[in-house]
């Protein structure tokens, strides 16, 4: 086994104290000859850690197939000095792979004494909201406008390693080591992606609201509500998201949400429809106590779908009933509406819930 160690420049692009004490964090990445822990082998582990005021890179390389067991033993003994491991999709691949290789040799190691921090899993719930094209590291780098060339894929390096085992050529060794080193040095470049969960998971406070009137595609005046919010966090690169009801824009520390208000007629559905009659010619429901005075030919027993009265006004849409009573276009519609007035959002708790509810809808 070959061990390499050196100090490196490690860009702290994200407040690491949000993850843990720097001295307790271990960034790591592995290189293997395949995806299966049963039928392939581990040939390189690289780690980055903070010690004595500087960042260090250590790499353990299996220069023979027989060196794999020593590599595993050395890594897990080294791991005892840390409380948290940081990786990209390690929960899905690296950690289970290493455990399978340990079992293959009967080694008693595991990750039970450390916390696992998977950058991939942390950001995955926000893929739709952020509009990420995929969850690969390259897609995240593109979203953050990071330009980094990776000359070789993991698959190509498998063949390089096989050639190295036969020839032990130094230039092949350098290719393998440098690829792993570049991946580890690239990890801090994508750490700013963690700013998005920070930004989106914390409670927003309404800074300002504005009623906007503008013409629609038919030239008719249409009213929208613009909400501007903050929560003390910010994003390094802005993003936008919209559907037929909401549009969202995040830039720096500001989150702006524009809501299309509905102006027109809606229906309020009475929940206890068995106590109502539907008036056929008036298209509304009235209580039995009043309906008994109506001609029997002009009424019929109300159903859940016909037990309503109609109201006209300006309404705020909602996908869950934060405010009540609420109205609908038709029975069981997912979108409900409440009469809009500027005082609705004076209730700080409900305004924060509404903002969270918009983020949830746009992230589906």
Protein backbone atom coordinates (compact mmCIF):
# COMPACT_ATOMS: atom_id res chain seq x y z
CA UNK A 1 0.00 0.00 0.00
CA UNK A 2 1.23 3.49 -0.82
CA UNK A 3 0.38 6.44 1.47
CA UNK A 4 0.53 10.03 0.29
CA UNK A 5 0.08 13.07 2.53
CA UNK A 6 0.29 16.81 1.94
CA UNK A 7 -1.25 20.09 3.02
CA UNK A 8 -3.58 21.71 0.49
CA UNK A 9 -5.47 24.89 -0.25
CA UNK A 10 -9.09 24.08 0.64
CA UNK A 11 -11.55 26.82 -0.23
CA UNK A 12 -14.05 27.30 2.59
CA UNK A 13 -16.94 28.25 0.33
CA UNK A 14 -19.63 27.48 2.92
CA UNK A 15 -19.81 28.10 6.71
CA UNK A 16 -18.58 24.71 7.90
CA UNK A 17 -19.71 25.45 11.46
CA UNK A 18 -23.25 24.74 10.20
CA UNK A 19 -22.09 21.12 9.73
CA UNK A 20 -19.77 20.78 12.72
CA UNK A 21 -16.37 21.69 14.17
CA UNK A 22 -13.78 21.68 11.40
CA UNK A 23 -11.45 19.43 13.40
CA UNK A 24 -14.16 16.76 13.59
CA UNK A 25 -15.05 16.68 9.88
CA UNK A 26 -13.63 14.21 7.38
CA UNK A 27 -14.25 14.62 3.65
CA UNK A 28 -13.62 11.40 1.76
CA UNK A 29 -13.96 9.78 -1.65
CA UNK A 30 -13.20 6.26 -2.87
CA UNK A 31 -12.14 4.71 -6.17
CA UNK A 32 -13.17 1.16 -7.06
CA UNK A 33 -13.05 -1.29 -9.94
CA UNK A 34 -16.85 -1.55 -10.10
CA UNK A 35 -20.19 -0.86 -8.44
CA UNK A 36 -20.60 -4.16 -6.59
CA UNK A 37 -18.91 -4.59 -3.22
CA UNK A 38 -19.06 -8.35 -3.73
CA UNK A 39 -17.45 -8.57 -7.17
CA UNK A 40 -15.07 -5.62 -7.43
CA UNK A 41 -12.26 -4.15 -5.35
CA UNK A 42 -11.33 -0.91 -3.64
CA UNK A 43 -8.04 0.58 -4.77
CA UNK A 44 -7.94 4.17 -3.44
CA UNK A 45 -9.35 6.22 -0.58
CA UNK A 46 -8.70 9.95 -0.33
CA UNK A 47 -9.49 12.10 2.70
CA UNK A 48 -9.36 15.80 3.45
CA UNK A 49 -9.28 17.00 7.07
CA UNK A 50 -8.38 20.05 9.15
CA UNK A 51 -5.52 19.83 11.65
CA UNK A 52 -3.19 22.34 13.30
CA UNK A 53 -4.56 25.29 11.37
CA UNK A 54 -4.37 23.83 7.87
CA UNK A 55 -6.15 21.45 5.53
CA UNK A 56 -4.55 18.10 4.76
CA UNK A 57 -4.98 15.53 2.02
CA UNK A 58 -4.14 11.89 2.69
CA UNK A 59 -4.51 9.11 0.14
CA UNK A 60 -4.10 5.37 0.55
CA UNK A 61 -3.49 3.45 -2.67
CA UNK A 62 -3.57 -0.31 -3.17
CA UNK A 63 -0.54 -0.90 -5.38
CA UNK A 64 -1.40 -4.60 -5.45
CA UNK A 65 -4.71 -6.44 -5.12
CA UNK A 66 -3.46 -7.91 -1.84
CA UNK A 67 -3.07 -4.38 -0.39
CA UNK A 68 -6.85 -3.77 -0.29
CA UNK A 69 -7.26 -5.25 3.19
CA UNK A 70 -4.48 -3.04 4.60
CA UNK A 71 -6.09 -0.02 2.92
CA UNK A 72 -9.42 -0.75 4.65
CA UNK A 73 -7.76 -1.29 8.02
CA UNK A 74 -5.76 1.95 7.75
CA UNK A 75 -8.78 4.02 6.74
CA UNK A 76 -11.08 2.79 9.51
CA UNK A 77 -8.41 3.25 12.16
CA UNK A 78 -7.87 6.79 10.90
CA UNK A 79 -11.64 7.38 10.92
CA UNK A 80 -11.71 6.93 14.73
CA UNK A 81 -10.35 10.47 15.10
CA UNK A 82 -13.45 12.08 13.56
CA UNK A 83 -17.13 12.42 14.40
CA UNK A 84 -18.63 13.23 10.97
CA UNK A 85 -17.90 12.09 7.42
CA UNK A 86 -18.85 14.33 4.47
CA UNK A 87 -19.34 12.92 0.98
CA UNK A 88 -21.41 13.10 -2.19
CA UNK A 89 -23.88 10.18 -2.45
CA UNK A 90 -21.77 8.20 -0.03
CA UNK A 91 -24.87 6.90 1.76
CA UNK A 92 -25.92 5.33 -1.52
CA UNK A 93 -22.54 3.97 -2.61
CA UNK A 94 -19.30 4.63 -0.69
CA UNK A 95 -20.38 3.62 2.82
CA UNK A 96 -22.21 0.39 1.89
CA UNK A 97 -19.39 -0.51 -0.52
CA UNK A 98 -16.75 -0.17 2.19
CA UNK A 99 -18.81 -2.24 4.62
CA UNK A 100 -19.17 -5.03 2.04
CA UNK A 101 -15.41 -5.06 1.45
CA UNK A 102 -14.86 -5.24 5.22
CA UNK A 103 -17.22 -8.22 5.45
CA UNK A 104 -15.34 -9.90 2.59
CA UNK A 105 -12.19 -9.85 4.76
CA UNK A 106 -13.91 -10.43 8.09
CA UNK A 107 -12.90 -6.97 9.35
CA UNK A 108 -14.97 -5.69 12.31
CA UNK A 109 -15.33 -2.09 11.11
CA UNK A 110 -18.42 0.06 10.61
CA UNK A 111 -19.55 3.71 10.67
CA UNK A 112 -21.55 3.51 13.89
CA UNK A 113 -19.41 6.04 15.78
CA UNK A 114 -19.63 8.79 13.12
CA UNK A 115 -22.45 10.83 11.64
CA UNK A 116 -22.85 10.74 7.89
CA UNK A 117 -23.41 14.00 6.00
CA UNK A 118 -24.41 13.29 2.41
CA UNK A 119 -24.44 16.42 0.24
CA UNK A 120 -26.48 14.54 -2.38
CA UNK A 121 -29.23 13.55 0.07
CA UNK A 122 -29.32 17.00 1.61
CA UNK A 123 -30.10 18.69 -1.70
CA UNK A 124 -32.17 15.95 -3.41
CA UNK A 125 -35.56 17.10 -1.95
CA UNK A 126 -35.07 20.47 -3.69
CA UNK A 127 -34.21 19.17 -7.16
CA UNK A 128 -37.57 20.20 -8.69
CA UNK A 129 -37.72 23.56 -6.94
CA UNK A 130 -34.20 24.47 -8.05
CA UNK A 131 -34.74 23.08 -11.56
CA UNK A 132 -31.67 20.81 -11.42
CA UNK A 133 -31.32 18.81 -14.65
CA UNK A 134 -30.04 15.81 -12.69
CA UNK A 135 -28.52 14.99 -9.30
CA UNK A 136 -25.06 14.28 -10.65
CA UNK A 137 -22.21 16.36 -9.28
CA UNK A 138 -21.65 17.91 -12.72
CA UNK A 139 -25.28 19.17 -12.80
CA UNK A 140 -24.83 20.81 -9.40
CA UNK A 141 -21.58 22.40 -10.56
CA UNK A 142 -23.39 23.74 -13.64
CA UNK A 143 -26.20 25.16 -11.45
CA UNK A 144 -23.60 26.95 -9.30
CA UNK A 145 -21.82 28.13 -12.48
CA UNK A 146 -18.66 26.20 -11.58
CA UNK A 147 -16.40 25.28 -14.46
CA UNK A 148 -14.24 22.25 -13.70
CA UNK A 149 -12.89 19.82 -16.27
CA UNK A 150 -12.82 16.15 -15.34
CA UNK A 151 -10.64 14.49 -17.97
CA UNK A 152 -11.46 10.91 -17.00
CA UNK A 153 -14.56 9.06 -15.84
CA UNK A 154 -14.57 6.43 -13.12
CA UNK A 155 -15.09 3.75 -15.77
CA UNK A 156 -12.01 4.82 -17.74
CA UNK A 157 -9.90 4.80 -14.59
CA UNK A 158 -10.76 1.15 -13.91
CA UNK A 159 -8.82 0.24 -17.03
CA UNK A 160 -6.01 2.59 -16.00
CA UNK A 161 -5.77 0.79 -12.64
CA UNK A 162 -5.69 -2.64 -14.33
CA UNK A 163 -2.88 -1.44 -16.56
CA UNK A 164 -1.05 -0.10 -13.51
CA UNK A 165 -1.24 -3.47 -11.73
CA UNK A 166 0.51 -5.07 -14.70
CA UNK A 167 3.11 -2.37 -15.42
CA UNK A 168 3.43 -0.16 -12.29
CA UNK A 169 4.11 2.74 -14.63
CA UNK A 170 4.43 6.00 -12.69
CA UNK A 171 2.33 8.03 -15.14
CA UNK A 172 -0.62 5.66 -14.62
CA UNK A 173 -0.21 6.02 -10.86
CA UNK A 174 -0.21 9.80 -11.24
CA UNK A 175 -3.44 9.71 -13.27
CA UNK A 176 -5.25 7.72 -10.58
CA UNK A 177 -3.98 9.84 -7.69
CA UNK A 178 -4.66 13.16 -9.40
CA UNK A 179 -8.23 12.21 -10.35
CA UNK A 180 -9.06 11.39 -6.73
CA UNK A 181 -7.31 14.54 -5.52
CA UNK A 182 -9.24 16.71 -7.99
CA UNK A 183 -12.54 15.17 -6.84
CA UNK A 184 -11.73 15.97 -3.22
CA UNK A 185 -10.60 19.48 -4.04
CA UNK A 186 -13.79 19.92 -6.07
CA UNK A 187 -16.00 19.00 -3.12
CA UNK A 188 -15.75 22.41 -1.39
CA UNK A 189 -16.71 24.04 -4.69
CA UNK A 190 -20.16 22.42 -4.49
CA UNK A 191 -20.64 23.04 -0.75
CA UNK A 192 -22.49 26.32 -1.52
CA UNK A 193 -25.36 24.11 -2.73
CA UNK A 194 -26.03 23.53 0.99
CA UNK A 195 -27.06 27.20 1.21
CA UNK A 196 -30.31 26.25 -0.53
CA UNK A 197 -31.59 23.84 2.15
CA UNK A 198 -30.51 26.44 4.75
CA UNK A 199 -32.47 29.11 2.89
CA UNK A 200 -35.56 27.01 2.18
CA UNK A 201 -35.86 25.16 5.49
CA UNK A 202 -35.89 28.20 7.76
CA UNK A 203 -38.99 30.21 8.54
CA UNK A 204 -39.55 33.22 6.28
CA UNK A 205 -40.79 36.57 7.53
CA UNK A 206 -42.82 38.86 5.33
CA UNK A 207 -40.94 42.07 4.57
CA UNK A 208 -43.38 43.62 2.15
CA UNK A 209 -46.55 42.90 0.19
CA UNK A 210 -47.84 44.71 -2.89
CA UNK A 211 -50.98 44.42 -4.96
CA UNK A 212 -50.10 44.53 -8.67
CA UNK A 213 -52.54 45.21 -11.49
CA UNK A 214 -51.54 44.36 -15.05
CA UNK A 215 -53.29 43.34 -18.29
CA UNK A 216 -53.66 39.65 -19.16
CA UNK A 217 -53.27 38.22 -22.69
CA UNK A 218 -56.76 39.49 -23.56
CA UNK A 219 -56.02 43.02 -22.35
CA UNK A 220 -58.15 42.69 -19.22
CA UNK A 221 -56.80 44.00 -15.92
CA UNK A 222 -55.59 41.16 -13.73
CA UNK A 223 -54.59 41.44 -10.05
CA UNK A 224 -51.61 39.71 -8.47
CA UNK A 225 -50.10 39.80 -5.00
CA UNK A 226 -46.33 40.12 -4.59
CA UNK A 227 -44.81 38.94 -1.30
CA UNK A 228 -41.18 39.75 -0.44
CA UNK A 229 -39.64 37.66 2.35
CA UNK A 230 -36.41 37.13 4.30
CA UNK A 231 -35.13 34.69 6.90
CA UNK A 232 -31.51 35.67 7.53
CA UNK A 233 -30.06 33.21 4.98
CA UNK A 234 -29.08 33.77 1.36
CA UNK A 235 -28.38 31.85 -1.85
CA UNK A 236 -25.20 32.22 -3.93
CA UNK A 237 -26.98 31.84 -7.28
CA UNK A 238 -30.55 32.97 -7.87
CA UNK A 239 -33.29 30.67 -9.14
CA UNK A 240 -36.87 30.89 -10.39
CA UNK A 241 -39.83 28.53 -10.39
CA UNK A 242 -43.48 28.90 -11.40
CA UNK A 243 -46.75 27.12 -12.09
CA UNK A 244 -50.18 28.33 -13.18
CA UNK A 245 -50.83 30.04 -9.81
CA UNK A 246 -47.50 30.97 -8.21
CA UNK A 247 -44.19 32.31 -9.42
CA UNK A 248 -41.11 32.46 -7.25
CA UNK A 249 -37.76 34.19 -7.52
CA UNK A 250 -34.88 33.89 -5.07
CA UNK A 251 -31.93 36.27 -5.26
CA UNK A 252 -29.42 36.83 -2.47
CA UNK A 253 -31.34 37.02 0.80
CA UNK A 254 -34.70 37.85 -0.78
CA UNK A 255 -37.48 35.46 -1.71
CA UNK A 256 -40.18 37.02 -3.90
CA UNK A 257 -43.47 35.20 -4.51
CA UNK A 258 -46.12 36.42 -6.93
CA UNK A 259 -49.60 34.96 -6.52
CA UNK A 260 -52.27 35.24 -9.20
CA UNK A 261 -55.47 36.34 -7.48
CA UNK A 262 -58.81 35.11 -8.77
CA UNK A 263 -61.52 37.66 -9.49
CA UNK A 264 -64.99 36.35 -10.21
CA UNK A 265 -67.57 33.88 -8.92
CA UNK A 266 -66.80 30.90 -6.67
CA UNK A 267 -68.84 28.41 -4.67
CA UNK A 268 -69.02 27.89 -0.95
CA UNK A 269 -69.92 24.25 -0.25
CA UNK A 270 -71.85 23.48 2.92
CA UNK A 271 -70.38 20.41 4.65
CA UNK A 272 -73.70 19.01 5.99
CA UNK A 273 -75.41 18.63 2.59
CA UNK A 274 -78.07 16.22 3.93
CA UNK A 275 -79.71 19.18 5.67
CA UNK A 276 -80.03 21.15 2.41
CA UNK A 277 -82.08 21.31 -0.75
CA UNK A 278 -80.74 22.39 -4.12
CA UNK A 279 -82.85 25.02 -5.92
CA UNK A 280 -82.81 24.00 -9.56
CA UNK A 281 -83.61 27.36 -11.14
CA UNK A 282 -81.58 29.51 -8.77
CA UNK A 283 -78.49 27.24 -8.79
CA UNK A 284 -77.89 27.31 -5.06
CA UNK A 285 -78.61 25.33 -1.92
CA UNK A 286 -80.74 26.39 1.03
CA UNK A 287 -81.42 24.79 4.39
CA UNK A 288 -84.36 22.39 4.75
CA UNK A 289 -86.04 24.71 7.20
CA UNK A 290 -86.38 27.31 4.45
CA UNK A 291 -86.67 24.97 1.45
CA UNK A 292 -89.98 23.53 2.67
CA UNK A 293 -91.62 26.76 1.50
CA UNK A 294 -90.27 26.30 -2.05
CA UNK A 295 -92.28 24.54 -4.76
CA UNK A 296 -91.26 20.85 -4.82
CA UNK A 297 -90.72 20.98 -8.60
CA UNK A 298 -88.12 23.72 -8.13
CA UNK A 299 -86.04 21.86 -5.54
CA UNK A 300 -84.34 18.52 -4.95
CA UNK A 301 -82.24 17.01 -2.22
CA UNK A 302 -78.75 18.47 -2.27
CA UNK A 303 -75.69 16.31 -2.84
CA UNK A 304 -72.14 17.10 -1.82
CA UNK A 305 -71.62 18.52 -5.34
CA UNK A 306 -74.73 20.73 -5.37
CA UNK A 307 -74.77 21.97 -1.78
CA UNK A 308 -73.35 25.46 -2.35
CA UNK A 309 -73.99 29.13 -2.60
CA UNK A 310 -72.22 31.40 -5.10
CA UNK A 311 -70.17 34.46 -4.23
CA UNK A 312 -68.31 37.04 -6.31
CA UNK A 313 -65.13 38.83 -5.25
CA UNK A 314 -61.33 38.89 -5.27
CA UNK A 315 -59.78 35.73 -3.86
CA UNK A 316 -56.42 34.34 -2.71
CA UNK A 317 -55.68 30.74 -3.80
CA UNK A 318 -54.42 28.15 -1.34
CA UNK A 319 -53.54 24.46 -1.75
CA UNK A 320 -54.30 23.66 1.89
CA UNK A 321 -56.96 25.35 4.05
CA UNK A 322 -54.87 27.83 6.02
CA UNK A 323 -57.74 30.28 6.09
CA UNK A 324 -61.38 29.39 6.35
CA UNK A 325 -64.13 29.46 5.36
CA UNK A 326 -62.83 28.77 1.88
CA UNK A 327 -64.46 28.60 -1.53
CA UNK A 328 -63.92 26.45 -4.60
CA UNK A 329 -64.63 26.41 -8.30
CA UNK A 330 -66.00 22.89 -8.07
CA UNK A 331 -66.42 20.33 -5.32
CA UNK A 332 -63.20 18.52 -4.33
CA UNK A 333 -60.96 20.90 -6.30
CA UNK A 334 -57.46 20.86 -4.83
CA UNK A 335 -57.22 24.64 -4.93
CA UNK A 336 -59.40 26.54 -2.48
CA UNK A 337 -59.83 30.31 -2.16
CA UNK A 338 -60.38 32.86 0.57
CA UNK A 339 -61.61 36.44 0.14
CA UNK A 340 -58.50 38.58 -0.27
CA UNK A 341 -57.66 41.68 1.75
CA UNK A 342 -54.26 43.12 2.65
CA UNK A 343 -54.71 42.29 6.34
CA UNK A 344 -54.65 38.55 5.67
CA UNK A 345 -50.88 38.39 6.10
CA UNK A 346 -50.75 40.40 9.31
CA UNK A 347 -50.95 37.05 11.08
CA UNK A 348 -47.22 36.21 11.05
CA UNK A 349 -47.74 32.52 11.70
CA UNK A 350 -50.17 32.12 8.81
CA UNK A 351 -48.05 34.22 6.45
CA UNK A 352 -45.03 31.99 7.17
CA UNK A 353 -47.17 28.89 6.66
CA UNK A 354 -48.47 30.23 3.36
CA UNK A 355 -44.93 30.90 2.10
CA UNK A 356 -43.86 27.37 3.12
CA UNK A 357 -46.95 26.03 1.43
CA UNK A 358 -46.04 27.81 -1.85
CA UNK A 359 -42.50 26.36 -1.69
CA UNK A 360 -43.95 22.92 -1.11
CA UNK A 361 -46.34 23.20 -4.07
CA UNK A 362 -43.63 24.45 -6.44
CA UNK A 363 -41.22 21.72 -5.28
CA UNK A 364 -43.54 18.81 -6.09
